[in-house]
Amino acid sequence: MVRRFVLMLAVAAMGAASVAPAQVLPGGATDQVVAAVAKTLNEPIVTTPLSNDPLAPAQVAGSEEPALPAPVEEDKPVAVTRGASLSETVAKLRRSDAGSRELECLAAGVYFESKSEPLAGQLAVGQVIANRSESRGRFPSSYCGVLTQRGQFSFVRGGKWPAVNKNSLQWKNAVAVARIVDADLHDSSVGKAMFFHARRVSPGWRLTRVAAVGNHVFYR
């Protein structure tokens, strides 16, 4: 019954005045009938894939998916000009990996003290940590030493700080700011400031006020 239906379909197609749309034939049709119908409908049978891979599925020309952009190579060196804007430099230096334990400590200070502030405020916080490390005996001589010094940063407990999502944009910005401070790629308005506190408090310090940037007030 199925074979008879297919033969009738082939005869009808041969006599048609116009080209019929693509048809799905019953599974019992012979190869000769399938070829005859396909030839009549002017629709060649695709028996080989379009790619050179013999295991690749057949594709329709022009239907390939667009190529995805190559992943960013985080360790690839980038050219940074000191005169560039802070936002441009941060965009170039964003990384999830700080590259060293010292830079990670500096980035942690920037992140936990100012991650929600403008970049200028983050730069100022990072600059204070760097200034302390260069104080020649007044504070520890390393970023990690400054950060973990007892009683100096409230987010540090027992020399450690909370876990960080290193894939977040805020962490990557903090890493970029740390790299900028460490390489002295951008001036900060706080100069040689050694201390800062949030605007919401007034500790009554007898220090010289240097600037107010973002959510903090800075002193030396």
N, C-alpha and C. Protein backbone atom coordinates (compact mmCIF):
# COMPACT_ATOMS: atom_id res chain seq x y z
N MET A 1 0.83 -1.21 0.00
CA MET A 1 0.00 0.00 0.00
C MET A 1 0.86 1.25 0.00
N VAL A 2 1.92 1.25 0.86
CA VAL A 2 2.81 2.42 0.94
C VAL A 2 3.53 2.64 -0.36
N ARG A 3 4.06 1.49 -0.98
CA ARG A 3 4.81 1.60 -2.25
C ARG A 3 3.91 2.16 -3.35
N ARG A 4 2.65 1.72 -3.37
CA ARG A 4 1.72 2.21 -4.40
C ARG A 4 1.48 3.70 -4.23
N PHE A 5 1.39 4.16 -2.99
CA PHE A 5 1.16 5.59 -2.72
C PHE A 5 2.34 6.42 -3.21
N VAL A 6 3.53 5.90 -2.99
CA VAL A 6 4.73 6.64 -3.41
C VAL A 6 4.81 6.73 -4.90
N LEU A 7 4.51 5.61 -5.62
CA LEU A 7 4.57 5.63 -7.08
C LEU A 7 3.56 6.62 -7.64
N MET A 8 2.38 6.67 -7.04
CA MET A 8 1.38 7.63 -7.49
C MET A 8 1.86 9.06 -7.26
N LEU A 9 2.53 9.29 -6.15
CA LEU A 9 3.06 10.62 -5.85
C LEU A 9 4.12 11.02 -6.86
N ALA A 10 4.99 10.08 -7.26
CA ALA A 10 6.03 10.36 -8.23
C ALA A 10 5.43 10.73 -9.58
N VAL A 11 4.40 9.96 -10.03
CA VAL A 11 3.76 10.23 -11.31
C VAL A 11 3.11 11.60 -11.28
N ALA A 12 2.45 11.91 -10.18
CA ALA A 12 1.78 13.21 -10.08
C ALA A 12 2.78 14.33 -10.13
N ALA A 13 3.94 14.14 -9.49
CA ALA A 13 4.94 15.19 -9.47
C ALA A 13 5.52 15.42 -10.85
N MET A 14 5.69 14.34 -11.64
CA MET A 14 6.25 14.48 -12.99
C MET A 14 5.33 15.28 -13.89
N GLY A 15 4.05 15.19 -13.63
CA GLY A 15 3.11 15.89 -14.49
C GLY A 15 2.76 17.26 -14.01
N ALA A 16 3.29 17.67 -12.90
CA ALA A 16 2.92 18.99 -12.35
C ALA A 16 3.53 20.09 -13.18
N ALA A 17 2.81 21.18 -13.34
CA ALA A 17 3.31 22.31 -14.13
C ALA A 17 4.24 23.20 -13.34
N SER A 18 4.15 23.16 -12.03
CA SER A 18 5.00 24.01 -11.19
C SER A 18 5.79 23.13 -10.26
N VAL A 19 6.83 23.70 -9.62
CA VAL A 19 7.68 22.96 -8.71
C VAL A 19 6.98 22.83 -7.38
N ALA A 20 6.86 21.61 -6.86
CA ALA A 20 6.17 21.37 -5.60
C ALA A 20 7.12 21.63 -4.45
N PRO A 21 6.57 21.93 -3.25
CA PRO A 21 7.44 22.10 -2.08
C PRO A 21 8.05 20.79 -1.65
N ALA A 22 9.06 20.87 -0.78
CA ALA A 22 9.74 19.67 -0.31
C ALA A 22 8.76 18.73 0.36
N GLN A 23 8.94 17.41 0.11
CA GLN A 23 8.02 16.41 0.65
C GLN A 23 8.77 15.47 1.59
N VAL A 24 8.08 14.95 2.59
CA VAL A 24 8.61 13.90 3.46
C VAL A 24 7.97 12.60 3.02
N LEU A 25 8.76 11.65 2.49
CA LEU A 25 8.23 10.42 1.93
C LEU A 25 8.18 9.33 2.99
N PRO A 26 7.20 8.40 2.87
CA PRO A 26 7.13 7.27 3.81
C PRO A 26 8.39 6.44 3.75
N GLY A 27 8.72 5.79 4.86
CA GLY A 27 9.98 5.06 4.96
C GLY A 27 10.08 3.87 4.04
N GLY A 28 9.00 3.37 3.44
CA GLY A 28 9.09 2.18 2.61
C GLY A 28 9.43 2.46 1.17
N ALA A 29 9.64 3.71 0.75
CA ALA A 29 9.91 4.03 -0.65
C ALA A 29 11.26 3.50 -1.05
N THR A 30 11.38 3.10 -2.33
CA THR A 30 12.65 2.60 -2.84
C THR A 30 13.55 3.75 -3.17
N ASP A 31 14.87 3.44 -3.30
CA ASP A 31 15.85 4.49 -3.63
C ASP A 31 15.56 5.11 -4.99
N GLN A 32 15.09 4.23 -5.98
CA GLN A 32 14.83 4.78 -7.31
C GLN A 32 13.70 5.79 -7.27
N VAL A 33 12.67 5.52 -6.50
CA VAL A 33 11.54 6.44 -6.43
C VAL A 33 11.96 7.73 -5.76
N VAL A 34 12.72 7.63 -4.70
CA VAL A 34 13.17 8.83 -4.00
C VAL A 34 13.99 9.70 -4.93
N ALA A 35 14.91 9.08 -5.71
CA ALA A 35 15.74 9.84 -6.62
C ALA A 35 14.91 10.50 -7.70
N ALA A 36 13.91 9.77 -8.22
CA ALA A 36 13.06 10.31 -9.28
C ALA A 36 12.27 11.51 -8.78
N VAL A 37 11.70 11.38 -7.58
CA VAL A 37 10.92 12.48 -7.02
C VAL A 37 11.80 13.69 -6.78
N ALA A 38 13.01 13.47 -6.22
CA ALA A 38 13.91 14.57 -5.93
C ALA A 38 14.33 15.27 -7.21
N LYS A 39 14.60 14.49 -8.29
CA LYS A 39 15.00 15.09 -9.56
C LYS A 39 13.88 15.91 -10.14
N THR A 40 12.66 15.38 -10.08
CA THR A 40 11.50 16.10 -10.61
C THR A 40 11.28 17.41 -9.87
N LEU A 41 11.45 17.39 -8.56
CA LEU A 41 11.24 18.59 -7.75
C LEU A 41 12.41 19.54 -7.80
N ASN A 42 13.42 19.18 -8.60
CA ASN A 42 14.60 20.04 -8.74
C ASN A 42 15.26 20.32 -7.39
N GLU A 43 15.30 19.31 -6.52
CA GLU A 43 15.91 19.45 -5.20
C GLU A 43 16.92 18.33 -5.03
N PRO A 44 18.21 18.62 -5.29
CA PRO A 44 19.24 17.56 -5.20
C PRO A 44 19.32 16.99 -3.80
N ILE A 45 19.68 15.72 -3.72
CA ILE A 45 19.82 15.05 -2.43
C ILE A 45 21.22 15.32 -1.89
N VAL A 46 21.32 15.83 -0.66
CA VAL A 46 22.62 16.08 -0.04
C VAL A 46 23.05 14.82 0.68
N THR A 47 24.16 14.25 0.24
CA THR A 47 24.62 13.00 0.84
C THR A 47 25.94 13.17 1.57
N THR A 48 26.60 14.36 1.45
CA THR A 48 27.88 14.59 2.12
C THR A 48 27.81 15.87 2.90
N PRO A 49 28.50 15.95 4.05
CA PRO A 49 28.52 17.19 4.83
C PRO A 49 29.27 18.28 4.11
N LEU A 50 28.99 19.54 4.47
CA LEU A 50 29.67 20.67 3.84
C LEU A 50 31.08 20.85 4.38
N SER A 51 31.37 20.30 5.55
CA SER A 51 32.70 20.48 6.12
C SER A 51 33.60 19.36 5.64
N ASN A 52 34.91 19.50 5.86
CA ASN A 52 35.87 18.48 5.48
C ASN A 52 35.92 17.35 6.50
N ASP A 53 35.25 17.52 7.60
CA ASP A 53 35.22 16.50 8.65
C ASP A 53 34.21 15.43 8.27
N PRO A 54 34.65 14.19 8.04
CA PRO A 54 33.69 13.15 7.62
C PRO A 54 32.65 12.83 8.68
N LEU A 55 32.91 13.23 9.93
CA LEU A 55 31.95 12.95 10.99
C LEU A 55 31.01 14.11 11.24
N ALA A 56 31.24 15.24 10.55
CA ALA A 56 30.40 16.41 10.79
C ALA A 56 29.05 16.22 10.15
N PRO A 57 27.97 16.71 10.78
CA PRO A 57 26.63 16.58 10.20
C PRO A 57 26.47 17.47 8.98
N ALA A 58 25.55 17.09 8.08
CA ALA A 58 25.30 17.91 6.91
C ALA A 58 24.76 19.26 7.33
N GLN A 59 25.19 20.34 6.66
CA GLN A 59 24.77 21.69 6.98
C GLN A 59 24.26 22.38 5.73
N VAL A 60 23.45 23.38 5.92
CA VAL A 60 22.98 24.20 4.82
C VAL A 60 23.92 25.37 4.66
N ALA A 61 24.37 25.63 3.45
CA ALA A 61 25.32 26.72 3.23
C ALA A 61 24.76 28.03 3.76
N GLY A 62 25.63 28.76 4.46
CA GLY A 62 25.21 30.05 5.00
C GLY A 62 24.56 29.97 6.36
N SER A 63 24.44 28.75 6.92
CA SER A 63 23.76 28.61 8.20
C SER A 63 24.72 28.45 9.37
N GLU A 64 26.05 28.58 9.09
CA GLU A 64 27.02 28.42 10.15
C GLU A 64 26.82 29.47 11.24
N GLU A 65 27.01 29.08 12.51
CA GLU A 65 26.90 30.02 13.62
C GLU A 65 28.11 30.94 13.61
N PRO A 66 27.93 32.23 14.00
CA PRO A 66 29.07 33.15 14.03
C PRO A 66 30.09 32.71 15.06
N ALA A 67 31.36 32.93 14.75
CA ALA A 67 32.43 32.53 15.66
C ALA A 67 32.38 33.38 16.93
N LEU A 68 32.60 32.75 18.09
CA LEU A 68 32.63 33.46 19.36
C LEU A 68 33.95 34.19 19.49
N PRO A 69 33.97 35.36 20.17
CA PRO A 69 35.23 36.08 20.36
C PRO A 69 36.20 35.27 21.20
N ALA A 70 37.47 35.42 20.92
CA ALA A 70 38.48 34.69 21.67
C ALA A 70 38.51 35.17 23.11
N PRO A 71 38.73 34.26 24.07
CA PRO A 71 38.78 34.68 25.48
C PRO A 71 39.94 35.62 25.74
N VAL A 72 39.74 36.53 26.70
CA VAL A 72 40.78 37.49 27.03
C VAL A 72 41.91 36.77 27.75
N GLU A 73 43.13 37.04 27.33
CA GLU A 73 44.29 36.47 27.99
C GLU A 73 44.72 37.40 29.10
N GLU A 74 44.44 37.01 30.34
CA GLU A 74 44.67 37.91 31.46
C GLU A 74 46.15 38.21 31.68
N ASP A 75 47.02 37.27 31.36
CA ASP A 75 48.43 37.49 31.61
C ASP A 75 49.14 38.13 30.43
N LYS A 76 48.40 38.51 29.41
CA LYS A 76 49.01 39.13 28.24
C LYS A 76 49.39 40.57 28.58
N PRO A 77 50.64 40.97 28.33
CA PRO A 77 51.07 42.34 28.65
C PRO A 77 50.25 43.37 27.87
N VAL A 78 49.99 44.51 28.50
CA VAL A 78 49.27 45.58 27.83
C VAL A 78 50.08 46.86 27.96
N ALA A 79 49.96 47.70 26.95
CA ALA A 79 50.66 48.98 26.98
C ALA A 79 49.82 50.00 27.73
N VAL A 80 50.40 50.62 28.74
CA VAL A 80 49.69 51.59 29.57
C VAL A 80 50.46 52.91 29.55
N THR A 81 49.77 53.99 29.21
CA THR A 81 50.38 55.31 29.20
C THR A 81 50.02 56.04 30.47
N ARG A 82 50.99 56.63 31.13
CA ARG A 82 50.73 57.28 32.41
C ARG A 82 49.75 58.44 32.28
N GLY A 83 49.72 59.08 31.15
CA GLY A 83 48.83 60.22 30.97
C GLY A 83 47.39 59.86 30.67
N ALA A 84 47.09 58.58 30.54
CA ALA A 84 45.72 58.16 30.24
C ALA A 84 44.82 58.41 31.44
N SER A 85 43.51 58.46 31.20
CA SER A 85 42.57 58.66 32.29
C SER A 85 42.56 57.44 33.21
N LEU A 86 42.12 57.65 34.44
CA LEU A 86 42.10 56.56 35.41
C LEU A 86 41.18 55.44 34.94
N SER A 87 40.03 55.78 34.40
CA SER A 87 39.09 54.75 33.95
C SER A 87 39.66 53.93 32.79
N GLU A 88 40.38 54.57 31.89
CA GLU A 88 41.00 53.86 30.77
C GLU A 88 42.07 52.89 31.27
N THR A 89 42.87 53.36 32.21
CA THR A 89 43.94 52.51 32.73
C THR A 89 43.37 51.33 33.51
N VAL A 90 42.35 51.57 34.30
CA VAL A 90 41.70 50.48 35.04
C VAL A 90 41.14 49.45 34.07
N ALA A 91 40.50 49.90 33.00
CA ALA A 91 39.93 48.98 32.02
C ALA A 91 40.99 48.08 31.40
N LYS A 92 42.18 48.60 31.21
CA LYS A 92 43.26 47.81 30.61
C LYS A 92 43.88 46.82 31.59
N LEU A 93 43.85 47.16 32.86
CA LEU A 93 44.57 46.36 33.86
C LEU A 93 43.68 45.46 34.69
N ARG A 94 42.39 45.37 34.39
CA ARG A 94 41.50 44.49 35.14
C ARG A 94 41.96 43.04 35.02
N ARG A 95 42.02 42.38 36.15
CA ARG A 95 42.40 40.97 36.20
C ARG A 95 41.72 40.31 37.39
N SER A 96 41.52 39.01 37.32
CA SER A 96 41.03 38.29 38.48
C SER A 96 42.19 37.86 39.37
N ASP A 97 43.35 37.66 38.75
CA ASP A 97 44.55 37.26 39.49
C ASP A 97 45.46 38.47 39.63
N ALA A 98 45.77 38.84 40.88
CA ALA A 98 46.61 40.01 41.13
C ALA A 98 48.04 39.80 40.66
N GLY A 99 48.49 38.57 40.60
CA GLY A 99 49.83 38.29 40.09
C GLY A 99 50.86 38.02 41.17
N SER A 100 50.63 38.50 42.37
CA SER A 100 51.55 38.25 43.49
C SER A 100 50.79 38.41 44.79
N ARG A 101 51.37 37.86 45.86
CA ARG A 101 50.73 37.96 47.17
C ARG A 101 50.67 39.43 47.62
N GLU A 102 51.70 40.19 47.37
CA GLU A 102 51.73 41.59 47.78
C GLU A 102 50.63 42.40 47.08
N LEU A 103 50.50 42.21 45.77
CA LEU A 103 49.45 42.93 45.04
C LEU A 103 48.06 42.47 45.46
N GLU A 104 47.95 41.20 45.83
CA GLU A 104 46.66 40.70 46.30
C GLU A 104 46.28 41.37 47.62
N CYS A 105 47.27 41.58 48.51
CA CYS A 105 47.00 42.27 49.77
C CYS A 105 46.56 43.71 49.51
N LEU A 106 47.26 44.38 48.61
CA LEU A 106 46.90 45.76 48.28
C LEU A 106 45.50 45.82 47.66
N ALA A 107 45.21 44.88 46.77
CA ALA A 107 43.88 44.84 46.14
C ALA A 107 42.80 44.55 47.18
N ALA A 108 43.10 43.69 48.16
CA ALA A 108 42.13 43.38 49.21
C ALA A 108 41.79 44.63 50.02
N GLY A 109 42.81 45.44 50.31
CA GLY A 109 42.56 46.69 51.03
C GLY A 109 41.66 47.62 50.25
N VAL A 110 41.93 47.73 48.96
CA VAL A 110 41.10 48.58 48.09
C VAL A 110 39.69 48.04 48.02
N TYR A 111 39.58 46.73 47.86
CA TYR A 111 38.26 46.09 47.69
C TYR A 111 37.39 46.25 48.93
N PHE A 112 37.90 45.87 50.08
CA PHE A 112 37.06 45.87 51.28
C PHE A 112 36.81 47.27 51.84
N GLU A 113 37.68 48.20 51.58
CA GLU A 113 37.49 49.55 52.10
C GLU A 113 36.73 50.47 51.15
N SER A 114 36.76 50.16 49.84
CA SER A 114 36.20 51.16 48.91
C SER A 114 35.63 50.59 47.62
N LYS A 115 35.27 49.31 47.59
CA LYS A 115 34.82 48.69 46.33
C LYS A 115 33.60 49.35 45.71
N SER A 116 32.75 49.98 46.54
CA SER A 116 31.54 50.61 46.02
C SER A 116 31.72 52.08 45.70
N GLU A 117 32.94 52.59 45.82
CA GLU A 117 33.21 54.01 45.59
C GLU A 117 33.68 54.26 44.16
N PRO A 118 33.73 55.52 43.75
CA PRO A 118 34.32 55.85 42.45
C PRO A 118 35.79 55.43 42.41
N LEU A 119 36.33 55.29 41.21
CA LEU A 119 37.71 54.82 41.07
C LEU A 119 38.69 55.75 41.77
N ALA A 120 38.41 57.05 41.79
CA ALA A 120 39.31 57.99 42.47
C ALA A 120 39.38 57.69 43.96
N GLY A 121 38.25 57.30 44.56
CA GLY A 121 38.23 56.93 45.97
C GLY A 121 38.99 55.65 46.23
N GLN A 122 38.89 54.69 45.31
CA GLN A 122 39.63 53.44 45.44
C GLN A 122 41.12 53.69 45.31
N LEU A 123 41.48 54.55 44.39
CA LEU A 123 42.89 54.89 44.21
C LEU A 123 43.45 55.54 45.47
N ALA A 124 42.66 56.39 46.10
CA ALA A 124 43.11 57.08 47.32
C ALA A 124 43.37 56.08 48.45
N VAL A 125 42.49 55.12 48.62
CA VAL A 125 42.68 54.11 49.65
C VAL A 125 43.94 53.29 49.37
N GLY A 126 44.10 52.90 48.13
CA GLY A 126 45.31 52.15 47.76
C GLY A 126 46.57 52.97 48.00
N GLN A 127 46.50 54.26 47.75
CA GLN A 127 47.66 55.12 47.94
C GLN A 127 48.07 55.21 49.41
N VAL A 128 47.09 55.24 50.30
CA VAL A 128 47.39 55.28 51.74
C VAL A 128 48.14 54.01 52.15
N ILE A 129 47.69 52.85 51.67
CA ILE A 129 48.38 51.60 52.01
C ILE A 129 49.81 51.63 51.49
N ALA A 130 49.99 52.12 50.27
CA ALA A 130 51.34 52.22 49.70
C ALA A 130 52.19 53.22 50.49
N ASN A 131 51.61 54.35 50.87
CA ASN A 131 52.35 55.34 51.65
C ASN A 131 52.83 54.75 52.98
N ARG A 132 51.98 53.98 53.62
CA ARG A 132 52.39 53.37 54.89
C ARG A 132 53.54 52.39 54.69
N SER A 133 53.50 51.64 53.60
CA SER A 133 54.59 50.67 53.36
C SER A 133 55.92 51.37 53.08
N GLU A 134 55.88 52.64 52.73
CA GLU A 134 57.09 53.41 52.43
C GLU A 134 57.47 54.36 53.57
N SER A 135 56.88 54.16 54.73
CA SER A 135 57.05 55.11 55.84
C SER A 135 58.35 54.92 56.63
N ARG A 136 59.15 53.95 56.29
CA ARG A 136 60.47 53.71 56.91
C ARG A 136 60.38 53.52 58.42
N GLY A 137 59.67 52.50 58.81
CA GLY A 137 59.63 52.12 60.21
C GLY A 137 58.37 52.51 60.95
N ARG A 138 57.65 53.50 60.46
CA ARG A 138 56.42 53.90 61.14
C ARG A 138 55.35 52.82 61.01
N PHE A 139 55.33 52.19 59.87
CA PHE A 139 54.41 51.08 59.59
C PHE A 139 55.22 49.95 58.96
N PRO A 140 54.65 48.75 58.85
CA PRO A 140 55.36 47.65 58.17
C PRO A 140 55.76 48.04 56.75
N SER A 141 56.78 47.40 56.24
CA SER A 141 57.34 47.80 54.95
C SER A 141 56.76 47.05 53.75
N SER A 142 55.69 46.31 53.94
CA SER A 142 55.05 45.60 52.83
C SER A 142 53.55 45.86 52.85
N TYR A 143 52.92 45.68 51.71
CA TYR A 143 51.47 45.85 51.64
C TYR A 143 50.76 44.88 52.58
N CYS A 144 51.21 43.62 52.60
CA CYS A 144 50.57 42.61 53.45
C CYS A 144 50.79 42.96 54.92
N GLY A 145 51.98 43.46 55.25
CA GLY A 145 52.25 43.84 56.62
C GLY A 145 51.38 45.00 57.07
N VAL A 146 51.20 45.98 56.19
CA VAL A 146 50.33 47.13 56.50
C VAL A 146 48.90 46.66 56.70
N LEU A 147 48.45 45.79 55.83
CA LEU A 147 47.05 45.36 55.86
C LEU A 147 46.74 44.54 57.11
N THR A 148 47.67 43.69 57.51
CA THR A 148 47.41 42.78 58.63
C THR A 148 47.89 43.33 59.98
N GLN A 149 48.40 44.54 60.00
CA GLN A 149 48.83 45.13 61.27
C GLN A 149 47.64 45.23 62.22
N ARG A 150 47.83 44.80 63.42
CA ARG A 150 46.72 44.71 64.37
C ARG A 150 46.05 46.07 64.59
N GLY A 151 44.71 46.03 64.54
CA GLY A 151 43.92 47.21 64.87
C GLY A 151 43.83 48.28 63.80
N GLN A 152 44.29 47.99 62.59
CA GLN A 152 44.31 49.02 61.55
C GLN A 152 43.15 48.92 60.56
N PHE A 153 42.79 47.72 60.17
CA PHE A 153 41.70 47.55 59.20
C PHE A 153 40.66 46.60 59.79
N SER A 154 39.44 47.07 59.92
CA SER A 154 38.41 46.33 60.65
C SER A 154 37.99 45.04 59.96
N PHE A 155 38.19 44.92 58.64
CA PHE A 155 37.76 43.70 57.95
C PHE A 155 38.77 42.56 58.13
N VAL A 156 39.94 42.83 58.69
CA VAL A 156 40.96 41.81 58.90
C VAL A 156 40.77 41.20 60.29
N ARG A 157 40.70 39.87 60.34
CA ARG A 157 40.55 39.15 61.59
C ARG A 157 41.61 38.05 61.66
N GLY A 158 42.48 38.16 62.65
CA GLY A 158 43.53 37.15 62.79
C GLY A 158 44.44 37.09 61.58
N GLY A 159 44.69 38.23 60.97
CA GLY A 159 45.58 38.27 59.81
C GLY A 159 44.93 37.81 58.52
N LYS A 160 43.62 37.57 58.54
CA LYS A 160 42.92 37.10 57.34
C LYS A 160 41.71 37.99 57.08
N TRP A 161 41.22 37.91 55.86
CA TRP A 161 40.02 38.65 55.49
C TRP A 161 39.02 37.72 54.82
N PRO A 162 37.76 38.15 54.70
CA PRO A 162 36.72 37.27 54.12
C PRO A 162 37.05 36.84 52.69
N ALA A 163 36.41 35.77 52.28
CA ALA A 163 36.59 35.28 50.91
C ALA A 163 36.08 36.31 49.91
N VAL A 164 36.69 36.31 48.74
CA VAL A 164 36.35 37.28 47.69
C VAL A 164 35.95 36.52 46.42
N ASN A 165 34.93 37.01 45.76
CA ASN A 165 34.57 36.48 44.45
C ASN A 165 35.49 37.13 43.42
N LYS A 166 36.51 36.41 43.03
CA LYS A 166 37.54 36.98 42.16
C LYS A 166 37.11 37.11 40.71
N ASN A 167 35.91 36.63 40.39
CA ASN A 167 35.38 36.82 39.05
C ASN A 167 34.50 38.07 38.95
N SER A 168 34.29 38.74 40.08
CA SER A 168 33.43 39.93 40.08
C SER A 168 34.17 41.13 39.50
N LEU A 169 33.41 42.05 38.93
CA LEU A 169 34.00 43.26 38.36
C LEU A 169 34.64 44.11 39.45
N GLN A 170 34.05 44.14 40.64
CA GLN A 170 34.60 44.95 41.72
C GLN A 170 35.99 44.45 42.13
N TRP A 171 36.17 43.14 42.19
CA TRP A 171 37.49 42.62 42.52
C TRP A 171 38.49 42.93 41.42
N LYS A 172 38.10 42.76 40.18
CA LYS A 172 39.00 43.04 39.06
C LYS A 172 39.38 44.52 39.02
N ASN A 173 38.45 45.40 39.36
CA ASN A 173 38.78 46.82 39.46
C ASN A 173 39.80 47.07 40.57
N ALA A 174 39.61 46.39 41.71
CA ALA A 174 40.54 46.56 42.83
C ALA A 174 41.93 46.09 42.44
N VAL A 175 42.02 45.00 41.70
CA VAL A 175 43.32 44.52 41.23
C VAL A 175 43.96 45.56 40.31
N ALA A 176 43.16 46.12 39.41
CA ALA A 176 43.68 47.14 38.50
C ALA A 176 44.19 48.36 39.28
N VAL A 177 43.43 48.80 40.27
CA VAL A 177 43.85 49.94 41.08
C VAL A 177 45.14 49.62 41.83
N ALA A 178 45.24 48.41 42.37
CA ALA A 178 46.46 48.00 43.07
C ALA A 178 47.67 48.06 42.15
N ARG A 179 47.50 47.60 40.93
CA ARG A 179 48.60 47.63 39.96
C ARG A 179 48.97 49.06 39.59
N ILE A 180 47.98 49.92 39.51
CA ILE A 180 48.24 51.32 39.20
C ILE A 180 49.03 51.99 40.32
N VAL A 181 48.61 51.74 41.56
CA VAL A 181 49.32 52.30 42.71
C VAL A 181 50.75 51.77 42.78
N ASP A 182 50.89 50.47 42.64
CA ASP A 182 52.21 49.85 42.77
C ASP A 182 53.19 50.36 41.71
N ALA A 183 52.70 50.59 40.50
CA ALA A 183 53.57 51.05 39.41
C ALA A 183 53.57 52.57 39.26
N ASP A 184 52.85 53.27 40.15
CA ASP A 184 52.78 54.73 40.12
C ASP A 184 52.35 55.23 38.73
N LEU A 185 51.24 54.68 38.26
CA LEU A 185 50.75 55.02 36.92
C LEU A 185 49.77 56.18 36.91
N HIS A 186 49.33 56.61 38.09
CA HIS A 186 48.36 57.70 38.14
C HIS A 186 48.47 58.43 39.48
N ASP A 187 48.46 59.74 39.45
CA ASP A 187 48.54 60.53 40.68
C ASP A 187 47.22 60.47 41.44
N SER A 188 47.34 60.46 42.77
CA SER A 188 46.16 60.51 43.63
C SER A 188 46.11 61.86 44.34
N SER A 189 44.91 62.34 44.57
CA SER A 189 44.74 63.65 45.21
C SER A 189 45.09 63.64 46.69
N VAL A 190 45.34 62.44 47.26
CA VAL A 190 45.62 62.39 48.70
C VAL A 190 47.11 62.50 49.01
N GLY A 191 47.95 62.54 47.98
CA GLY A 191 49.38 62.75 48.19
C GLY A 191 50.00 61.74 49.15
N LYS A 192 50.58 62.23 50.23
CA LYS A 192 51.28 61.38 51.21
C LYS A 192 50.41 61.03 52.41
N ALA A 193 49.13 61.04 52.27
CA ALA A 193 48.23 60.72 53.39
C ALA A 193 48.52 59.34 53.95
N MET A 194 48.40 59.22 55.27
CA MET A 194 48.67 57.96 55.96
C MET A 194 47.42 57.39 56.63
N PHE A 195 46.37 58.19 56.75
CA PHE A 195 45.18 57.76 57.50
C PHE A 195 43.93 58.18 56.74
N PHE A 196 42.84 57.48 57.01
CA PHE A 196 41.55 57.89 56.46
C PHE A 196 40.44 57.33 57.34
N HIS A 197 39.30 57.94 57.28
CA HIS A 197 38.11 57.42 57.96
C HIS A 197 36.89 57.74 57.12
N ALA A 198 35.81 57.03 57.39
CA ALA A 198 34.57 57.26 56.65
C ALA A 198 33.99 58.61 57.01
N ARG A 199 33.29 59.22 56.07
CA ARG A 199 32.69 60.53 56.30
C ARG A 199 31.66 60.51 57.43
N ARG A 200 31.05 59.37 57.67
CA ARG A 200 29.96 59.30 58.64
C ARG A 200 30.43 59.39 60.08
N VAL A 201 31.75 59.26 60.30
CA VAL A 201 32.28 59.33 61.67
C VAL A 201 33.17 60.56 61.81
N SER A 202 33.41 60.95 63.05
CA SER A 202 34.28 62.10 63.33
C SER A 202 35.18 61.74 64.52
N PRO A 203 36.32 61.11 64.25
CA PRO A 203 37.17 60.62 65.34
C PRO A 203 37.92 61.71 66.10
N GLY A 204 37.91 62.95 65.60
CA GLY A 204 38.61 64.03 66.30
C GLY A 204 40.12 63.90 66.26
N TRP A 205 40.67 63.39 65.18
CA TRP A 205 42.11 63.23 65.05
C TRP A 205 42.82 64.59 64.99
N ARG A 206 43.94 64.70 65.65
CA ARG A 206 44.76 65.91 65.56
C ARG A 206 45.81 65.74 64.48
N LEU A 207 45.30 65.62 63.28
CA LEU A 207 46.14 65.40 62.10
C LEU A 207 45.80 66.43 61.04
N THR A 208 46.67 66.55 60.07
CA THR A 208 46.43 67.48 58.98
C THR A 208 45.52 66.85 57.93
N ARG A 209 44.39 67.47 57.71
CA ARG A 209 43.46 66.94 56.71
C ARG A 209 44.01 67.24 55.32
N VAL A 210 44.01 66.22 54.47
CA VAL A 210 44.57 66.36 53.12
C VAL A 210 43.47 66.52 52.09
N ALA A 211 42.48 65.63 52.13
CA ALA A 211 41.42 65.67 51.11
C ALA A 211 40.26 64.80 51.55
N ALA A 212 39.14 65.01 50.90
CA ALA A 212 37.97 64.14 51.05
C ALA A 212 37.65 63.59 49.67
N VAL A 213 37.74 62.28 49.53
CA VAL A 213 37.53 61.63 48.22
C VAL A 213 36.56 60.48 48.42
N GLY A 214 35.51 60.45 47.62
CA GLY A 214 34.53 59.40 47.76
C GLY A 214 33.91 59.43 49.13
N ASN A 215 33.91 58.32 49.82
CA ASN A 215 33.27 58.22 51.13
C ASN A 215 34.25 58.39 52.28
N HIS A 216 35.49 58.83 52.00
CA HIS A 216 36.50 58.91 53.04
C HIS A 216 37.16 60.29 53.12
N VAL A 217 37.65 60.57 54.32
CA VAL A 217 38.44 61.78 54.56
C VAL A 217 39.85 61.33 54.87
N PHE A 218 40.86 62.00 54.29
CA PHE A 218 42.24 61.56 54.36
C PHE A 218 43.10 62.57 55.13
N TYR A 219 44.08 62.01 55.87
CA TYR A 219 44.96 62.84 56.70
C TYR A 219 46.41 62.36 56.55
N ARG A 220 47.31 63.25 56.94
CA ARG A 220 48.72 62.87 57.06
C ARG A 220 49.27 63.33 58.41
